[in-house]
N, C-alpha and C. Protein backbone atom coordinates (compact mmCIF):
# COMPACT_ATOMS: atom_id res chain seq x y z
N MET A 1 93.41 171.72 146.31
CA MET A 1 93.52 170.58 147.59
C MET A 1 92.65 170.72 148.87
N GLY A 2 92.28 169.51 149.01
CA GLY A 2 91.05 169.65 150.69
C GLY A 2 91.53 168.35 151.28
N ASP A 3 90.57 168.27 152.38
CA ASP A 3 90.50 167.04 153.16
C ASP A 3 89.50 166.27 152.63
N SER A 4 89.16 165.18 153.27
CA SER A 4 87.95 164.30 152.97
C SER A 4 86.92 165.09 153.14
N LEU A 5 86.67 166.12 153.91
CA LEU A 5 85.83 167.26 154.09
C LEU A 5 85.52 168.16 152.99
N GLY A 6 86.28 168.27 152.10
CA GLY A 6 86.18 169.13 150.75
C GLY A 6 86.87 170.77 151.53
N GLN A 7 87.47 170.87 152.54
CA GLN A 7 87.78 171.95 152.84
C GLN A 7 89.15 172.41 151.97
N ARG A 8 89.24 173.60 151.90
CA ARG A 8 90.32 174.52 151.08
C ARG A 8 91.63 174.45 152.26
N LEU A 9 92.55 174.31 151.93
CA LEU A 9 93.86 174.49 152.47
C LEU A 9 94.20 175.60 152.91
N ASP A 10 94.35 176.26 153.93
CA ASP A 10 94.28 177.82 154.31
C ASP A 10 95.55 178.07 154.88
N LEU A 11 96.38 178.84 154.34
CA LEU A 11 98.12 179.30 154.65
C LEU A 11 97.90 180.84 154.74
N GLU A 12 97.04 181.36 154.62
CA GLU A 12 97.30 182.90 154.38
C GLU A 12 98.09 183.47 155.54
N GLY A 13 99.00 184.39 154.90
CA GLY A 13 99.92 185.10 155.71
C GLY A 13 101.06 184.39 156.49
N VAL A 14 101.04 182.83 156.01
CA VAL A 14 101.99 182.06 157.08
C VAL A 14 103.28 182.29 156.25
N SER A 15 104.56 182.29 157.31
CA SER A 15 105.76 182.41 156.66
C SER A 15 106.31 180.62 156.59
N LEU A 16 106.69 180.68 155.40
CA LEU A 16 107.17 179.33 154.92
C LEU A 16 108.56 179.04 154.80
N MET A 17 109.26 180.22 155.21
CA MET A 17 110.97 180.46 154.75
C MET A 17 111.69 179.16 154.75
N HIS A 18 112.35 178.76 153.87
CA HIS A 18 113.34 177.56 153.85
C HIS A 18 112.70 176.17 153.88
N ALA A 19 111.33 176.16 153.85
CA ALA A 19 110.41 175.07 153.66
C ALA A 19 110.65 174.28 152.38
N ASN A 20 111.03 172.78 152.60
CA ASN A 20 110.92 171.96 151.99
C ASN A 20 109.52 171.62 151.46
N LEU A 21 108.72 171.97 150.26
CA LEU A 21 107.78 171.64 149.60
C LEU A 21 107.89 170.93 148.75
N ALA A 22 108.80 170.45 148.19
CA ALA A 22 108.72 169.62 146.68
C ALA A 22 107.81 168.71 146.97
N GLY A 23 107.23 168.56 145.76
CA GLY A 23 106.03 167.69 145.44
C GLY A 23 104.82 167.90 145.97
N ALA A 24 104.66 168.98 147.19
CA ALA A 24 103.44 169.23 147.76
C ALA A 24 102.36 169.52 146.82
N MET A 25 101.05 168.81 147.29
CA MET A 25 100.02 169.16 146.41
C MET A 25 99.03 170.10 147.04
N LEU A 26 99.37 171.26 146.47
CA LEU A 26 98.79 172.59 147.14
C LEU A 26 97.63 173.09 146.07
N GLU A 27 97.07 172.29 145.23
CA GLU A 27 96.02 172.87 144.53
C GLU A 27 95.07 173.14 145.22
N ASP A 28 94.31 174.72 144.59
CA ASP A 28 93.10 175.18 145.42
C ASP A 28 93.91 175.97 146.72
N ALA A 29 94.94 175.76 147.07
CA ALA A 29 95.31 176.42 148.48
C ALA A 29 95.21 177.75 148.55
N ASN A 30 94.82 178.30 149.63
CA ASN A 30 94.95 179.80 150.02
C ASN A 30 96.14 180.14 150.68
N LEU A 31 97.03 180.61 149.63
CA LEU A 31 98.42 181.14 150.13
C LEU A 31 98.63 182.58 149.67
N LYS A 32 97.62 183.53 150.02
CA LYS A 32 97.55 184.82 149.92
C LYS A 32 98.60 185.52 151.01
N ALA A 33 99.48 185.93 150.54
CA ALA A 33 100.43 186.98 151.39
C ALA A 33 101.47 185.71 152.25
N VAL A 34 101.83 184.65 151.65
CA VAL A 34 102.60 183.80 152.05
C VAL A 34 104.23 184.00 152.03
N THR A 35 104.92 184.00 152.74
CA THR A 35 106.47 184.16 152.52
C THR A 35 107.18 182.75 152.05
N LEU A 36 107.45 182.93 150.99
CA LEU A 36 107.91 181.53 150.55
C LEU A 36 109.48 181.60 150.56
N THR A 37 110.10 182.48 150.29
CA THR A 37 111.56 182.85 150.29
C THR A 37 112.36 181.65 150.91
N TYR A 38 112.90 181.23 150.10
CA TYR A 38 114.11 180.04 149.87
C TYR A 38 113.58 178.85 149.98
N ALA A 39 112.30 178.76 149.80
CA ALA A 39 111.14 177.40 149.97
C ALA A 39 111.52 176.89 148.74
N ASP A 40 111.33 175.47 148.77
CA ASP A 40 111.42 174.29 147.69
C ASP A 40 110.36 173.88 147.22
N LEU A 41 109.79 174.31 146.20
CA LEU A 41 108.74 174.02 145.47
C LEU A 41 108.74 173.38 144.50
N MET A 42 109.72 172.61 144.32
CA MET A 42 109.94 171.38 142.78
C MET A 42 109.28 170.63 142.82
N ARG A 43 108.52 170.60 141.91
CA ARG A 43 107.26 169.67 141.22
C ARG A 43 106.21 170.17 141.92
N SER A 44 105.62 170.75 142.72
CA SER A 44 104.78 171.08 143.55
C SER A 44 103.49 171.05 142.45
N ASP A 45 102.38 171.07 143.41
CA ASP A 45 101.09 171.50 142.31
C ASP A 45 100.35 172.37 142.83
N LEU A 46 100.62 173.67 142.07
CA LEU A 46 100.47 175.00 142.77
C LEU A 46 99.04 175.04 141.76
N ARG A 47 98.42 174.66 141.08
CA ARG A 47 96.99 174.61 140.19
C ARG A 47 95.81 175.10 141.05
N VAL A 48 95.41 176.22 140.41
CA VAL A 48 94.30 177.03 141.09
C VAL A 48 94.33 177.55 142.56
N ALA A 49 95.76 177.54 142.83
CA ALA A 49 96.13 178.16 144.12
C ALA A 49 96.06 179.91 144.12
N ASP A 50 95.80 180.43 145.30
CA ASP A 50 95.58 181.61 145.33
C ASP A 50 97.05 182.27 145.68
N LEU A 51 97.90 182.93 145.42
CA LEU A 51 99.25 183.17 145.78
C LEU A 51 99.34 185.01 145.83
N THR A 52 98.11 185.33 145.59
CA THR A 52 98.14 187.02 145.59
C THR A 52 98.81 187.47 146.87
N GLY A 53 99.80 188.27 146.34
CA GLY A 53 100.88 189.23 147.41
C GLY A 53 101.82 188.24 147.93
N ALA A 54 102.00 186.86 147.46
CA ALA A 54 103.14 186.07 147.99
C ALA A 54 104.39 186.55 147.86
N ASN A 55 105.40 185.69 148.63
CA ASN A 55 106.72 186.45 148.32
C ASN A 55 107.75 185.19 147.73
N LEU A 56 107.86 185.37 146.35
CA LEU A 56 108.86 184.20 146.08
C LEU A 56 110.23 184.38 145.57
N ILE A 57 111.06 184.85 146.58
CA ILE A 57 112.29 185.20 146.66
C ILE A 57 113.31 184.17 146.78
N MET A 58 113.80 183.72 145.97
CA MET A 58 115.04 182.61 146.14
C MET A 58 114.39 181.23 146.23
N THR A 59 112.90 181.41 145.69
CA THR A 59 112.22 180.04 145.89
C THR A 59 112.45 178.71 144.75
N VAL A 60 112.65 177.90 144.94
CA VAL A 60 112.74 176.87 143.75
C VAL A 60 111.75 176.35 143.21
N LEU A 61 111.31 176.93 142.00
CA LEU A 61 110.06 176.29 141.24
C LEU A 61 110.17 175.14 140.14
N ASP A 62 111.35 175.03 139.99
CA ASP A 62 111.58 173.57 138.84
C ASP A 62 110.26 172.63 138.87
N SER A 63 109.53 172.83 137.64
CA SER A 63 108.79 171.86 137.16
C SER A 63 107.28 172.16 138.15
N ALA A 64 107.25 173.18 138.64
CA ALA A 64 106.00 173.51 139.51
C ALA A 64 104.80 173.70 138.51
N HIS A 65 103.78 173.34 138.96
CA HIS A 65 102.40 173.41 138.09
C HIS A 65 101.65 174.63 138.39
N MET A 66 101.64 175.61 137.82
CA MET A 66 100.58 176.76 138.45
C MET A 66 99.59 177.05 137.56
N THR A 67 98.92 176.23 136.69
CA THR A 67 98.00 176.45 135.69
C THR A 67 96.55 176.95 136.65
N GLN A 68 96.04 178.32 136.08
CA GLN A 68 95.14 179.02 136.80
C GLN A 68 95.47 179.45 138.28
N SER A 69 96.66 179.15 138.59
CA SER A 69 96.72 179.94 139.92
C SER A 69 96.85 181.70 139.50
N LEU A 70 96.52 182.23 140.71
CA LEU A 70 96.28 183.90 140.71
C LEU A 70 97.53 184.18 141.56
N LEU A 71 98.25 185.20 140.38
CA LEU A 71 99.44 185.34 140.88
C LEU A 71 99.64 187.16 141.06
N THR A 72 98.78 187.51 141.33
CA THR A 72 98.41 189.02 141.54
C THR A 72 99.34 189.61 142.51
N ASP A 73 100.38 190.64 142.45
CA ASP A 73 101.15 191.12 143.36
C ASP A 73 102.03 190.44 143.84
N VAL A 74 102.38 188.96 143.17
CA VAL A 74 103.35 188.16 143.78
C VAL A 74 104.76 188.87 143.52
N VAL A 75 105.62 188.86 144.55
CA VAL A 75 106.88 189.16 144.46
C VAL A 75 107.96 188.09 143.73
N PHE A 76 107.98 187.92 142.45
CA PHE A 76 108.53 187.18 141.42
C PHE A 76 109.93 187.42 141.60
N GLU A 77 110.95 186.59 142.57
CA GLU A 77 112.31 186.71 142.12
C GLU A 77 112.97 185.23 142.28
N PRO A 78 112.34 184.34 141.89
CA PRO A 78 112.66 182.69 142.11
C PRO A 78 114.11 182.44 141.69
N ARG A 79 114.42 181.47 142.39
CA ARG A 79 115.94 180.72 142.00
C ARG A 79 115.26 180.28 140.50
N SER A 80 114.44 179.55 140.24
CA SER A 80 114.26 178.80 139.33
C SER A 80 112.90 179.10 138.89
N LEU A 81 112.31 178.99 137.41
CA LEU A 81 111.28 179.11 136.79
C LEU A 81 110.19 178.09 137.07
N PRO A 82 109.00 178.16 137.27
CA PRO A 82 108.04 176.80 137.19
C PRO A 82 107.99 176.31 135.74
N ASP A 83 107.16 175.14 135.61
CA ASP A 83 106.63 174.84 134.12
C ASP A 83 106.19 175.85 133.59
N ILE A 84 106.82 176.18 132.28
CA ILE A 84 106.20 177.56 131.71
C ILE A 84 104.77 177.49 130.97
N PRO A 85 104.44 176.21 130.45
CA PRO A 85 103.17 176.39 129.83
C PRO A 85 102.00 176.45 131.04
N SER A 86 102.34 175.91 132.08
CA SER A 86 101.52 176.14 133.17
C SER A 86 101.23 177.30 133.45
N ILE A 87 102.59 178.27 134.01
CA ILE A 87 102.25 179.55 134.36
C ILE A 87 101.55 180.41 133.30
N ALA A 88 101.67 179.97 132.16
CA ALA A 88 101.12 180.80 130.98
C ALA A 88 99.49 180.92 131.40
N GLN A 89 99.40 179.99 131.81
CA GLN A 89 97.83 179.88 131.99
C GLN A 89 97.35 180.48 133.42
N ALA A 90 98.35 180.83 134.03
CA ALA A 90 97.95 181.68 135.27
C ALA A 90 97.19 182.97 135.25
N PHE A 91 96.79 183.48 136.28
CA PHE A 91 95.79 184.52 136.34
C PHE A 91 97.07 185.72 136.93
N GLY A 92 96.62 187.01 136.35
CA GLY A 92 97.52 188.01 137.45
C GLY A 92 99.09 188.18 136.71
N LEU A 93 99.26 187.74 135.63
CA LEU A 93 100.71 187.55 135.37
C LEU A 93 101.15 188.99 135.42
N LYS A 94 100.46 189.78 134.79
CA LYS A 94 100.89 191.18 134.56
C LYS A 94 101.25 192.14 135.65
N GLN A 95 100.40 191.57 136.94
CA GLN A 95 100.67 192.07 138.05
C GLN A 95 101.47 191.84 138.85
N MET A 96 102.32 190.56 138.68
CA MET A 96 103.62 190.29 139.36
C MET A 96 104.63 191.54 139.34
N ARG A 97 105.23 191.56 140.16
CA ARG A 97 106.64 192.36 140.26
C ARG A 97 107.84 192.15 141.32
N TYR A 98 108.93 193.01 141.30
CA TYR A 98 110.08 192.13 141.87
C TYR A 98 110.27 193.54 142.74
N ASP A 99 111.20 193.10 143.89
CA ASP A 99 111.76 193.96 144.89
C ASP A 99 112.80 194.87 144.55
N THR A 100 113.79 193.76 144.28
CA THR A 100 115.40 194.22 143.54
C THR A 100 115.96 193.55 142.46
N ASN A 101 115.36 192.42 142.16
CA ASN A 101 115.78 191.79 141.06
C ASN A 101 114.83 191.16 139.88
N PRO A 102 114.70 192.18 138.85
CA PRO A 102 113.82 191.93 137.84
C PRO A 102 114.49 190.34 136.87
N THR A 103 115.26 189.59 136.83
CA THR A 103 115.95 188.96 136.24
C THR A 103 114.87 187.85 135.96
N ALA A 104 114.16 187.37 137.02
CA ALA A 104 113.24 186.07 136.76
C ALA A 104 112.11 186.62 135.93
N LEU A 105 111.35 188.08 136.11
CA LEU A 105 110.28 188.34 135.40
C LEU A 105 110.84 188.60 133.79
N THR A 106 112.11 188.53 133.50
CA THR A 106 112.48 188.87 132.06
C THR A 106 112.62 187.50 131.82
N GLN A 107 113.45 186.67 132.29
CA GLN A 107 113.27 185.15 131.61
C GLN A 107 112.21 184.44 131.66
N LEU A 108 111.20 184.85 132.64
CA LEU A 108 109.62 184.24 131.99
C LEU A 108 109.23 184.87 130.83
N ARG A 109 109.32 186.01 130.57
CA ARG A 109 108.80 186.76 129.39
C ARG A 109 109.70 186.23 128.17
N GLU A 110 110.81 186.17 128.35
CA GLU A 110 111.67 185.51 127.10
C GLU A 110 111.23 183.92 127.12
N ALA A 111 111.08 183.35 127.74
CA ALA A 111 110.53 181.82 127.60
C ALA A 111 108.96 181.88 127.17
N PHE A 112 108.38 182.61 127.74
CA PHE A 112 107.04 182.90 127.03
C PHE A 112 107.11 183.26 125.20
N SER A 113 108.23 184.30 124.98
CA SER A 113 108.26 184.43 123.56
C SER A 113 108.74 183.01 122.77
N GLU A 114 109.46 182.50 123.61
CA GLU A 114 110.43 181.13 122.61
C GLU A 114 109.26 180.40 122.31
N LEU A 115 108.26 180.00 123.38
CA LEU A 115 107.29 179.16 122.91
C LEU A 115 105.95 179.40 122.29
N GLY A 116 106.43 180.85 121.96
CA GLY A 116 105.23 181.43 121.00
C GLY A 116 103.93 181.92 121.71
N PHE A 117 103.95 182.26 123.00
CA PHE A 117 102.94 182.67 123.91
C PHE A 117 103.03 184.19 123.27
N LYS A 118 101.67 184.79 123.43
CA LYS A 118 101.41 186.10 123.20
C LYS A 118 101.04 186.92 124.37
N GLN A 119 101.32 188.09 124.68
CA GLN A 119 100.94 189.27 125.57
C GLN A 119 99.62 189.25 125.80
């Protein structure tokens, strides 16, 4: 995502708790260390976004597109999973973690398996 000057959206370290970002165009955004706790990212475009170290606790991710997103050190405890084929193409999946609840990571692994994705 960028403006008419081609600048990348930079929200590094910003708290977006409870933000309604449903359908947001966040392609190629810098979302490093962003707090997205309880945020709504349903149908958002997160392709190629850098979410390194972001907090996705209780985040709504239904149908969010995450192709080639960078997910290293993301706290992954969303309320709902993103588009599975797209997140399967993200980077840093093995470095995602949880703080208190591993359920979403387990569900993601099962969804990958059901669709035939291999580790």
